[in-house]
């Protein structure tokens, strides 16, 4: 099937759902499908949040379908940021398209997989450094996004090594210098094997929350965290926290509960609380699927 004709039977919502559920056949995960997914995240979430979703989604998809991770295969940070930049810049050109098909009809140049050769030499792009983190072009600058240089626009959304990120728990006022990455999509369906260790090992975010699966009207979520969350409560939902590794400090009104591996706690509806992790901590949570993690 050619790039120009692929997914004619799938609308944007169906394509995105298959991508997020990792049920899209690997043979169908082509350049055009990358662009269609990137368009949806960019148009709905903007550059920074959209790039986070693209990055996390591609890496999770690659793990699910067994894509080999080598110099010329697997996730590539600079390729991802550069292509997402081109999609976002094209979105700023004219009225918003009705969907990804119309968007690509307006911008057929994006279907040319060699377009990045205008910006990067092979030596600059094909190396482990560019694969690991975003590097600037050495030929022609990428287009501006939101009036900013693409490299500057991508800075906050680009991967950081957690070992170099400031520890928010050191701020007594509760300030933080990192983004909460909270992915609400259900990663696995019934009867699918859930490899928690693989997700933990692949996580590069300082505060990461991913819904693993749904059980009736509840969900099980994985969190890999270091730092502190904000004070909040949930009006109508209880929450269960279970520590897999590390140390979780649960601030409550008037006291703090220390939770070590093997410890758990139920936070009842309406209770003000603030989770803190002075070190990298892995926890599992059980709560209703309708809950807003940010609370009130």
C-alpha atoms as a PDB file:
ATOM      1  CA  UNK A   1       0.000   0.000   0.000  1.00  0.00           C
ATOM      2  CA  UNK A   2       1.413   3.388  -0.932  1.00  0.00           C
ATOM      3  CA  UNK A   3       1.767   6.322   1.480  1.00  0.00           C
ATOM      4  CA  UNK A   4      -0.753   8.340  -0.528  1.00  0.00           C
ATOM      5  CA  UNK A   5      -3.484   5.737  -0.155  1.00  0.00           C
ATOM      6  CA  UNK A   6      -2.838   4.228   3.262  1.00  0.00           C
ATOM      7  CA  UNK A   7      -5.426   4.471   6.001  1.00  0.00           C
ATOM      8  CA  UNK A   8      -8.151   5.553   3.565  1.00  0.00           C
ATOM      9  CA  UNK A   9     -10.451   3.326   5.626  1.00  0.00           C
ATOM     10  CA  UNK A  10      -9.433   4.877   8.963  1.00  0.00           C
ATOM     11  CA  UNK A  11     -10.475   8.313  10.134  1.00  0.00           C
ATOM     12  CA  UNK A  12      -8.186  10.320  12.407  1.00  0.00           C
ATOM     13  CA  UNK A  13      -9.806   9.115  15.623  1.00  0.00           C
ATOM     14  CA  UNK A  14      -9.529   5.453  14.661  1.00  0.00           C
ATOM     15  CA  UNK A  15      -5.903   5.810  13.612  1.00  0.00           C
ATOM     16  CA  UNK A  16      -4.971   7.569  16.843  1.00  0.00           C
ATOM     17  CA  UNK A  17      -6.804   4.970  18.920  1.00  0.00           C
ATOM     18  CA  UNK A  18      -4.970   2.094  17.241  1.00  0.00           C
ATOM     19  CA  UNK A  19      -1.649   3.892  17.704  1.00  0.00           C
ATOM     20  CA  UNK A  20      -2.268   4.590  21.391  1.00  0.00           C
ATOM     21  CA  UNK A  21      -3.526   1.063  22.060  1.00  0.00           C
ATOM     22  CA  UNK A  22      -0.490  -0.379  20.188  1.00  0.00           C
ATOM     23  CA  UNK A  23      -2.839  -2.368  17.960  1.00  0.00           C
ATOM     24  CA  UNK A  24      -1.762  -0.722  14.701  1.00  0.00           C
ATOM     25  CA  UNK A  25       0.099  -3.254  12.509  1.00  0.00           C
ATOM     26  CA  UNK A  26       3.784  -2.405  12.268  1.00  0.00           C
ATOM     27  CA  UNK A  27       3.563  -2.531   8.455  1.00  0.00           C
ATOM     28  CA  UNK A  28       1.031   0.324   8.629  1.00  0.00           C
ATOM     29  CA  UNK A  29       3.200   2.510  10.852  1.00  0.00           C
ATOM     30  CA  UNK A  30       4.684   4.375   7.886  1.00  0.00           C
ATOM     31  CA  UNK A  31       5.862   7.917   7.312  1.00  0.00           C
ATOM     32  CA  UNK A  32       2.362   9.077   6.415  1.00  0.00           C
ATOM     33  CA  UNK A  33       0.882   7.573   9.573  1.00  0.00           C
ATOM     34  CA  UNK A  34       3.589   9.285  11.642  1.00  0.00           C
ATOM     35  CA  UNK A  35       2.545  12.613  10.107  1.00  0.00           C
ATOM     36  CA  UNK A  36      -1.162  11.971  10.681  1.00  0.00           C
ATOM     37  CA  UNK A  37      -0.605  11.169  14.347  1.00  0.00           C
ATOM     38  CA  UNK A  38       1.733  14.161  14.768  1.00  0.00           C
ATOM     39  CA  UNK A  39      -0.902  16.435  13.188  1.00  0.00           C
ATOM     40  CA  UNK A  40      -3.515  15.337  15.702  1.00  0.00           C
ATOM     41  CA  UNK A  41      -1.314  15.891  18.737  1.00  0.00           C
ATOM     42  CA  UNK A  42       0.005  19.211  17.417  1.00  0.00           C
ATOM     43  CA  UNK A  43      -3.412  20.616  16.544  1.00  0.00           C
ATOM     44  CA  UNK A  44      -4.953  19.579  19.872  1.00  0.00           C
ATOM     45  CA  UNK A  45      -2.103  20.088  22.336  1.00  0.00           C
ATOM     46  CA  UNK A  46       0.363  22.532  20.801  1.00  0.00           C
ATOM     47  CA  UNK A  47       4.106  22.052  20.468  1.00  0.00           C
ATOM     48  CA  UNK A  48       5.366  21.151  23.926  1.00  0.00           C
ATOM     49  CA  UNK A  49       2.568  18.875  25.143  1.00  0.00           C
ATOM     50  CA  UNK A  50       2.085  17.456  21.670  1.00  0.00           C
ATOM     51  CA  UNK A  51       5.760  16.553  21.373  1.00  0.00           C
ATOM     52  CA  UNK A  52       5.644  14.782  24.726  1.00  0.00           C
ATOM     53  CA  UNK A  53       2.725  12.667  23.546  1.00  0.00           C
ATOM     54  CA  UNK A  54       4.400  11.871  20.220  1.00  0.00           C
ATOM     55  CA  UNK A  55       7.671  10.947  21.903  1.00  0.00           C
ATOM     56  CA  UNK A  56       6.104   8.757  24.581  1.00  0.00           C
ATOM     57  CA  UNK A  57       3.703   7.181  22.109  1.00  0.00           C
ATOM     58  CA  UNK A  58       6.358   6.219  19.566  1.00  0.00           C
ATOM     59  CA  UNK A  59       8.620   4.701  22.196  1.00  0.00           C
ATOM     60  CA  UNK A  60       5.754   2.729  23.739  1.00  0.00           C
ATOM     61  CA  UNK A  61       4.617   1.563  20.309  1.00  0.00           C
ATOM     62  CA  UNK A  62       8.149   0.478  19.397  1.00  0.00           C
ATOM     63  CA  UNK A  63       8.421  -1.563  22.586  1.00  0.00           C
ATOM     64  CA  UNK A  64       5.007  -3.149  22.052  1.00  0.00           C
ATOM     65  CA  UNK A  65       5.730  -4.316  18.500  1.00  0.00           C
ATOM     66  CA  UNK A  66       9.391  -5.200  19.035  1.00  0.00           C
ATOM     67  CA  UNK A  67      11.137  -2.578  16.890  1.00  0.00           C
ATOM     68  CA  UNK A  68      14.899  -3.093  17.029  1.00  0.00           C
ATOM     69  CA  UNK A  69      16.771  -0.249  18.697  1.00  0.00           C
ATOM     70  CA  UNK A  70      19.938   0.445  16.726  1.00  0.00           C
ATOM     71  CA  UNK A  71      21.676   3.440  15.186  1.00  0.00           C
ATOM     72  CA  UNK A  72      19.365   3.426  12.145  1.00  0.00           C
ATOM     73  CA  UNK A  73      16.287   1.866  13.743  1.00  0.00           C
ATOM     74  CA  UNK A  74      14.068   2.596  16.707  1.00  0.00           C
ATOM     75  CA  UNK A  75      13.304   5.895  18.406  1.00  0.00           C
ATOM     76  CA  UNK A  76      15.395   8.893  17.295  1.00  0.00           C
ATOM     77  CA  UNK A  77      14.990  12.113  19.286  1.00  0.00           C
ATOM     78  CA  UNK A  78      16.299  14.568  16.682  1.00  0.00           C
ATOM     79  CA  UNK A  79      14.222  13.043  13.876  1.00  0.00           C
ATOM     80  CA  UNK A  80      11.115  13.185  16.051  1.00  0.00           C
ATOM     81  CA  UNK A  81      11.594  16.797  17.142  1.00  0.00           C
ATOM     82  CA  UNK A  82      12.522  17.955  13.627  1.00  0.00           C
ATOM     83  CA  UNK A  83       9.516  16.320  11.944  1.00  0.00           C
ATOM     84  CA  UNK A  84       7.171  17.538  14.665  1.00  0.00           C
ATOM     85  CA  UNK A  85       8.570  21.040  14.183  1.00  0.00           C
ATOM     86  CA  UNK A  86       7.799  20.887  10.453  1.00  0.00           C
ATOM     87  CA  UNK A  87       4.237  19.738  11.176  1.00  0.00           C
ATOM     88  CA  UNK A  88       3.669  22.518  13.732  1.00  0.00           C
ATOM     89  CA  UNK A  89       5.117  25.152  11.412  1.00  0.00           C
ATOM     90  CA  UNK A  90       2.860  23.979   8.575  1.00  0.00           C
ATOM     91  CA  UNK A  91      -0.152  24.199  10.899  1.00  0.00           C
ATOM     92  CA  UNK A  92       0.573  27.893  11.395  1.00  0.00           C
ATOM     93  CA  UNK A  93       0.258  28.426   7.639  1.00  0.00           C
ATOM     94  CA  UNK A  94      -3.373  29.308   6.908  1.00  0.00           C
ATOM     95  CA  UNK A  95      -6.723  28.243   8.324  1.00  0.00           C
ATOM     96  CA  UNK A  96      -6.932  25.101  10.424  1.00  0.00           C
ATOM     97  CA  UNK A  97      -7.597  22.021   8.257  1.00  0.00           C
ATOM     98  CA  UNK A  98     -10.522  19.730   9.013  1.00  0.00           C
ATOM     99  CA  UNK A  99      -8.274  16.720   9.543  1.00  0.00           C
ATOM    100  CA  UNK A 100      -4.962  15.109   8.755  1.00  0.00           C
ATOM    101  CA  UNK A 101      -5.955  14.138   5.202  1.00  0.00           C
ATOM    102  CA  UNK A 102      -6.763  17.731   4.318  1.00  0.00           C
ATOM    103  CA  UNK A 103      -3.605  18.885   6.115  1.00  0.00           C
ATOM    104  CA  UNK A 104      -1.358  16.616   4.041  1.00  0.00           C
ATOM    105  CA  UNK A 105      -3.182  17.565   0.851  1.00  0.00           C
ATOM    106  CA  UNK A 106      -2.234  21.172   1.607  1.00  0.00           C
ATOM    107  CA  UNK A 107       1.340  20.263   2.509  1.00  0.00           C
ATOM    108  CA  UNK A 108       2.416  17.390   0.227  1.00  0.00           C
ATOM    109  CA  UNK A 109       6.047  18.416   0.754  1.00  0.00           C
ATOM    110  CA  UNK A 110       5.870  16.735   4.168  1.00  0.00           C
ATOM    111  CA  UNK A 111       5.345  13.385   2.472  1.00  0.00           C
ATOM    112  CA  UNK A 112       8.872  13.662   1.043  1.00  0.00           C
ATOM    113  CA  UNK A 113      10.918  11.651   3.524  1.00  0.00           C
ATOM    114  CA  UNK A 114      14.137  13.295   2.307  1.00  0.00           C
ATOM    115  CA  UNK A 115      13.063  16.815   3.260  1.00  0.00           C
ATOM    116  CA  UNK A 116      15.248  16.890   6.375  1.00  0.00           C
ATOM    117  CA  UNK A 117      18.332  16.647   4.150  1.00  0.00           C
ATOM    118  CA  UNK A 118      17.857  20.378   3.570  1.00  0.00           C
ATOM    119  CA  UNK A 119      18.516  20.915   7.270  1.00  0.00           C
ATOM    120  CA  UNK A 120      20.852  18.117   8.352  1.00  0.00           C
ATOM    121  CA  UNK A 121      23.851  16.382   6.870  1.00  0.00           C
ATOM    122  CA  UNK A 122      23.921  12.614   7.303  1.00  0.00           C
ATOM    123  CA  UNK A 123      26.871  12.936   9.658  1.00  0.00           C
ATOM    124  CA  UNK A 124      24.945  15.362  11.855  1.00  0.00           C
ATOM    125  CA  UNK A 125      21.799  13.230  11.982  1.00  0.00           C
ATOM    126  CA  UNK A 126      22.962   9.616  12.012  1.00  0.00           C
ATOM    127  CA  UNK A 127      24.873   9.275  15.263  1.00  0.00           C
ATOM    128  CA  UNK A 128      24.144   8.227  18.817  1.00  0.00           C
ATOM    129  CA  UNK A 129      24.145  11.781  20.171  1.00  0.00           C
ATOM    130  CA  UNK A 130      21.419  12.923  17.754  1.00  0.00           C
ATOM    131  CA  UNK A 131      19.485   9.745  18.465  1.00  0.00           C
ATOM    132  CA  UNK A 132      19.607  10.375  22.221  1.00  0.00           C
ATOM    133  CA  UNK A 133      18.880  14.123  22.324  1.00  0.00           C
ATOM    134  CA  UNK A 134      17.815  16.897  19.975  1.00  0.00           C
ATOM    135  CA  UNK A 135      20.680  18.555  18.047  1.00  0.00           C
ATOM    136  CA  UNK A 136      20.411  21.703  15.938  1.00  0.00           C
ATOM    137  CA  UNK A 137      20.643  21.503  12.127  1.00  0.00           C
ATOM    138  CA  UNK A 138      24.021  22.089  10.523  1.00  0.00           C
ATOM    139  CA  UNK A 139      22.695  23.154   7.092  1.00  0.00           C
ATOM    140  CA  UNK A 140      19.444  25.155   7.107  1.00  0.00           C
ATOM    141  CA  UNK A 141      17.556  26.259  10.202  1.00  0.00           C
ATOM    142  CA  UNK A 142      14.229  24.602  10.957  1.00  0.00           C
ATOM    143  CA  UNK A 143      11.200  26.910  10.647  1.00  0.00           C
ATOM    144  CA  UNK A 144      10.074  28.940  13.627  1.00  0.00           C
ATOM    145  CA  UNK A 145       7.208  27.655  15.765  1.00  0.00           C
ATOM    146  CA  UNK A 146       5.060  30.231  17.515  1.00  0.00           C
ATOM    147  CA  UNK A 147       7.508  32.951  16.535  1.00  0.00           C
ATOM    148  CA  UNK A 148      10.432  31.172  18.222  1.00  0.00           C
ATOM    149  CA  UNK A 149      13.423  29.346  16.835  1.00  0.00           C
ATOM    150  CA  UNK A 150      12.576  25.657  16.642  1.00  0.00           C
ATOM    151  CA  UNK A 151      15.507  24.656  18.837  1.00  0.00           C
ATOM    152  CA  UNK A 152      14.368  27.067  21.548  1.00  0.00           C
ATOM    153  CA  UNK A 153      10.725  25.995  21.197  1.00  0.00           C
ATOM    154  CA  UNK A 154      11.694  22.359  21.621  1.00  0.00           C
ATOM    155  CA  UNK A 155      13.972  22.896  24.602  1.00  0.00           C
ATOM    156  CA  UNK A 156      11.394  22.423  27.359  1.00  0.00           C
ATOM    157  CA  UNK A 157       9.787  19.487  25.591  1.00  0.00           C
ATOM    158  CA  UNK A 158      13.066  17.713  24.817  1.00  0.00           C
ATOM    159  CA  UNK A 159      14.150  14.745  26.925  1.00  0.00           C
ATOM    160  CA  UNK A 160      16.289  15.434  29.958  1.00  0.00           C
ATOM    161  CA  UNK A 161      18.359  13.016  31.992  1.00  0.00           C
ATOM    162  CA  UNK A 162      16.597  12.698  35.372  1.00  0.00           C
ATOM    163  CA  UNK A 163      19.976  12.693  37.099  1.00  0.00           C
ATOM    164  CA  UNK A 164      20.540  16.301  35.970  1.00  0.00           C
ATOM    165  CA  UNK A 165      17.081  17.629  36.760  1.00  0.00           C
ATOM    166  CA  UNK A 166      16.531  19.731  39.908  1.00  0.00           C
ATOM    167  CA  UNK A 167      14.791  17.974  42.785  1.00  0.00           C
ATOM    168  CA  UNK A 168      11.526  19.802  43.446  1.00  0.00           C
ATOM    169  CA  UNK A 169      11.377  18.391  46.968  1.00  0.00           C
ATOM    170  CA  UNK A 170      14.227  20.738  47.864  1.00  0.00           C
ATOM    171  CA  UNK A 171      11.908  23.732  47.369  1.00  0.00           C
ATOM    172  CA  UNK A 172      10.122  24.383  50.684  1.00  0.00           C
ATOM    173  CA  UNK A 173       7.489  26.465  48.915  1.00  0.00           C
ATOM    174  CA  UNK A 174       6.520  23.526  46.709  1.00  0.00           C
ATOM    175  CA  UNK A 175       7.926  25.022  43.512  1.00  0.00           C
ATOM    176  CA  UNK A 176       8.947  22.692  40.699  1.00  0.00           C
ATOM    177  CA  UNK A 177      11.238  22.892  37.685  1.00  0.00           C
ATOM    178  CA  UNK A 178       9.812  20.029  35.652  1.00  0.00           C
ATOM    179  CA  UNK A 179       6.665  18.994  33.818  1.00  0.00           C
ATOM    180  CA  UNK A 180       4.074  16.540  35.047  1.00  0.00           C
ATOM    181  CA  UNK A 181       3.687  13.901  32.319  1.00  0.00           C
ATOM    182  CA  UNK A 182       0.272  12.297  32.833  1.00  0.00           C
ATOM    183  CA  UNK A 183      -0.909   9.913  30.119  1.00  0.00           C
ATOM    184  CA  UNK A 184      -4.572   8.983  30.516  1.00  0.00           C
ATOM    185  CA  UNK A 185      -4.821   6.570  27.590  1.00  0.00           C
ATOM    186  CA  UNK A 186      -5.290   2.913  28.597  1.00  0.00           C
ATOM    187  CA  UNK A 187      -2.054   1.223  27.560  1.00  0.00           C
ATOM    188  CA  UNK A 188      -3.178  -2.429  27.682  1.00  0.00           C
ATOM    189  CA  UNK A 189      -6.426  -4.246  27.028  1.00  0.00           C
ATOM    190  CA  UNK A 190      -7.712  -7.462  28.626  1.00  0.00           C
ATOM    191  CA  UNK A 191      -5.463 -10.552  28.422  1.00  0.00           C
ATOM    192  CA  UNK A 192      -2.431  -8.474  27.381  1.00  0.00           C
ATOM    193  CA  UNK A 193       0.804  -8.945  29.301  1.00  0.00           C
ATOM    194  CA  UNK A 194       1.797  -5.800  31.217  1.00  0.00           C
ATOM    195  CA  UNK A 195       5.556  -5.363  31.600  1.00  0.00           C
ATOM    196  CA  UNK A 196       5.870  -2.785  34.376  1.00  0.00           C
ATOM    197  CA  UNK A 197       9.651  -3.183  34.661  1.00  0.00           C
ATOM    198  CA  UNK A 198      10.134  -2.335  30.965  1.00  0.00           C
ATOM    199  CA  UNK A 199       8.073   0.840  31.329  1.00  0.00           C
ATOM    200  CA  UNK A 200      10.014   1.875  34.422  1.00  0.00           C
ATOM    201  CA  UNK A 201      13.370   1.269  32.756  1.00  0.00           C
ATOM    202  CA  UNK A 202      12.341   3.255  29.667  1.00  0.00           C
ATOM    203  CA  UNK A 203      11.031   6.230  31.644  1.00  0.00           C
ATOM    204  CA  UNK A 204      13.155   9.389  31.397  1.00  0.00           C
ATOM    205  CA  UNK A 205      10.681  11.842  32.936  1.00  0.00           C
ATOM    206  CA  UNK A 206      10.925  13.172  36.465  1.00  0.00           C
ATOM    207  CA  UNK A 207       7.188  12.855  37.120  1.00  0.00           C
ATOM    208  CA  UNK A 208       5.500  10.262  34.902  1.00  0.00           C
ATOM    209  CA  UNK A 209       2.005   8.792  35.250  1.00  0.00           C
ATOM    210  CA  UNK A 210       0.642   6.214  32.770  1.00  0.00           C
ATOM    211  CA  UNK A 211      -2.676   4.355  32.872  1.00  0.00           C
ATOM    212  CA  UNK A 212      -1.847   0.661  32.501  1.00  0.00           C
ATOM    213  CA  UNK A 213      -5.246  -1.009  32.273  1.00  0.00           C
ATOM    214  CA  UNK A 214      -8.915  -0.731  33.176  1.00  0.00           C
ATOM    215  CA  UNK A 215     -10.744  -3.094  35.557  1.00  0.00           C
ATOM    216  CA  UNK A 216     -14.499  -2.494  35.418  1.00  0.00           C
ATOM    217  CA  UNK A 217     -14.909   1.206  36.298  1.00  0.00           C
ATOM    218  CA  UNK A 218     -11.437   1.498  37.882  1.00  0.00           C
ATOM    219  CA  UNK A 219      -7.977   1.912  36.373  1.00  0.00           C
ATOM    220  CA  UNK A 220      -4.509   0.857  37.466  1.00  0.00           C
ATOM    221  CA  UNK A 221      -1.863   3.518  36.933  1.00  0.00           C
ATOM    222  CA  UNK A 222       1.925   3.414  37.052  1.00  0.00           C
ATOM    223  CA  UNK A 223       3.864   6.394  38.365  1.00  0.00           C
ATOM    224  CA  UNK A 224       7.610   6.961  38.243  1.00  0.00           C
ATOM    225  CA  UNK A 225       8.294  10.104  40.232  1.00  0.00           C
ATOM    226  CA  UNK A 226      10.893  12.242  41.961  1.00  0.00           C
ATOM    227  CA  UNK A 227       9.950  15.566  43.511  1.00  0.00           C
ATOM    228  CA  UNK A 228       6.577  16.729  44.764  1.00  0.00           C
ATOM    229  CA  UNK A 229       3.028  17.146  43.491  1.00  0.00           C
ATOM    230  CA  UNK A 230       0.672  19.942  44.503  1.00  0.00           C
ATOM    231  CA  UNK A 231      -1.821  19.909  47.369  1.00  0.00           C
ATOM    232  CA  UNK A 232      -5.187  18.674  46.119  1.00  0.00           C
ATOM    233  CA  UNK A 233      -8.194  16.471  46.833  1.00  0.00           C
ATOM    234  CA  UNK A 234     -10.770  14.512  44.871  1.00  0.00           C
ATOM    235  CA  UNK A 235     -14.401  15.311  45.543  1.00  0.00           C
ATOM    236  CA  UNK A 236     -15.942  11.933  44.704  1.00  0.00           C
ATOM    237  CA  UNK A 237     -13.158   9.371  44.356  1.00  0.00           C
ATOM    238  CA  UNK A 238     -10.870   7.418  46.706  1.00  0.00           C
ATOM    239  CA  UNK A 239      -7.297   6.593  45.651  1.00  0.00           C
ATOM    240  CA  UNK A 240      -5.017   3.667  46.538  1.00  0.00           C
ATOM    241  CA  UNK A 241      -1.220   4.080  46.406  1.00  0.00           C
ATOM    242  CA  UNK A 242       1.223   1.143  46.572  1.00  0.00           C
ATOM    243  CA  UNK A 243       5.002   1.646  46.638  1.00  0.00           C
ATOM    244  CA  UNK A 244       7.006  -0.711  44.425  1.00  0.00           C
ATOM    245  CA  UNK A 245      10.418   0.895  44.980  1.00  0.00           C
ATOM    246  CA  UNK A 246      11.856   4.072  46.456  1.00  0.00           C
ATOM    247  CA  UNK A 247      10.120   6.137  49.146  1.00  0.00           C
ATOM    248  CA  UNK A 248       6.806   8.004  49.004  1.00  0.00           C
ATOM    249  CA  UNK A 249       5.938  10.713  51.513  1.00  0.00           C
ATOM    250  CA  UNK A 250       2.194  11.376  51.661  1.00  0.00           C
ATOM    251  CA  UNK A 251       1.523  14.760  53.222  1.00  0.00           C
ATOM    252  CA  UNK A 252      -1.874  14.941  54.918  1.00  0.00           C
ATOM    253  CA  UNK A 253      -3.403  17.701  56.991  1.00  0.00           C
ATOM    254  CA  UNK A 254      -1.297  17.784  60.157  1.00  0.00           C
ATOM    255  CA  UNK A 255       0.939  14.792  59.433  1.00  0.00           C
ATOM    256  CA  UNK A 256       3.053  12.941  56.883  1.00  0.00           C
ATOM    257  CA  UNK A 257       2.931   9.196  56.230  1.00  0.00           C
ATOM    258  CA  UNK A 258       6.169   7.546  55.007  1.00  0.00           C
ATOM    259  CA  UNK A 259       5.601   4.668  52.602  1.00  0.00           C
ATOM    260  CA  UNK A 260       8.395   2.235  51.734  1.00  0.00           C
ATOM    261  CA  UNK A 261       8.378  -0.683  49.248  1.00  0.00           C
ATOM    262  CA  UNK A 262       5.502  -2.995  50.073  1.00  0.00           C
ATOM    263  CA  UNK A 263       3.526  -0.233  51.843  1.00  0.00           C
ATOM    264  CA  UNK A 264       0.223   1.184  50.628  1.00  0.00           C
ATOM    265  CA  UNK A 265      -2.382   3.735  51.659  1.00  0.00           C
ATOM    266  CA  UNK A 266      -5.947   4.683  50.721  1.00  0.00           C
ATOM    267  CA  UNK A 267      -6.664   8.393  50.398  1.00  0.00           C
ATOM    268  CA  UNK A 268     -10.410   8.887  50.928  1.00  0.00           C
ATOM    269  CA  UNK A 269     -12.484  11.267  48.855  1.00  0.00           C
ATOM    270  CA  UNK A 270     -12.276  14.866  50.050  1.00  0.00           C
ATOM    271  CA  UNK A 271      -8.945  14.415  51.890  1.00  0.00           C
ATOM    272  CA  UNK A 272      -6.302  17.037  51.114  1.00  0.00           C
ATOM    273  CA  UNK A 273      -3.006  15.376  50.290  1.00  0.00           C
ATOM    274  CA  UNK A 274       0.325  15.924  48.557  1.00  0.00           C
ATOM    275  CA  UNK A 275       2.553  13.064  47.331  1.00  0.00           C
ATOM    276  CA  UNK A 276       6.308  13.645  47.566  1.00  0.00           C
ATOM    277  CA  UNK A 277       9.238  11.468  46.527  1.00  0.00           C
ATOM    278  CA  UNK A 278      12.718  12.480  47.778  1.00  0.00           C
ATOM    279  CA  UNK A 279      14.222   9.836  45.470  1.00  0.00           C
ATOM    280  CA  UNK A 280      13.157   8.072  42.269  1.00  0.00           C
ATOM    281  CA  UNK A 281      10.071   6.134  43.322  1.00  0.00           C
ATOM    282  CA  UNK A 282       7.822   3.675  41.506  1.00  0.00           C
ATOM    283  CA  UNK A 283       4.215   3.376  42.633  1.00  0.00           C
ATOM    284  CA  UNK A 284       1.019   1.716  41.471  1.00  0.00           C
ATOM    285  CA  UNK A 285      -2.339   3.439  41.945  1.00  0.00           C
ATOM    286  CA  UNK A 286      -5.916   2.185  41.731  1.00  0.00           C
ATOM    287  CA  UNK A 287      -8.707   4.712  41.217  1.00  0.00           C
ATOM    288  CA  UNK A 288     -11.837   5.325  39.192  1.00  0.00           C
ATOM    289  CA  UNK A 289     -11.291   5.843  35.484  1.00  0.00           C
ATOM    290  CA  UNK A 290     -13.162   9.165  35.651  1.00  0.00           C
ATOM    291  CA  UNK A 291     -10.769  10.747  38.145  1.00  0.00           C
ATOM    292  CA  UNK A 292      -8.816  13.892  37.263  1.00  0.00           C
ATOM    293  CA  UNK A 293      -5.282  13.287  38.617  1.00  0.00           C
ATOM    294  CA  UNK A 294      -4.796  17.025  39.199  1.00  0.00           C
ATOM    295  CA  UNK A 295      -7.736  17.091  41.615  1.00  0.00           C
ATOM    296  CA  UNK A 296      -9.240  20.247  43.080  1.00  0.00           C
END
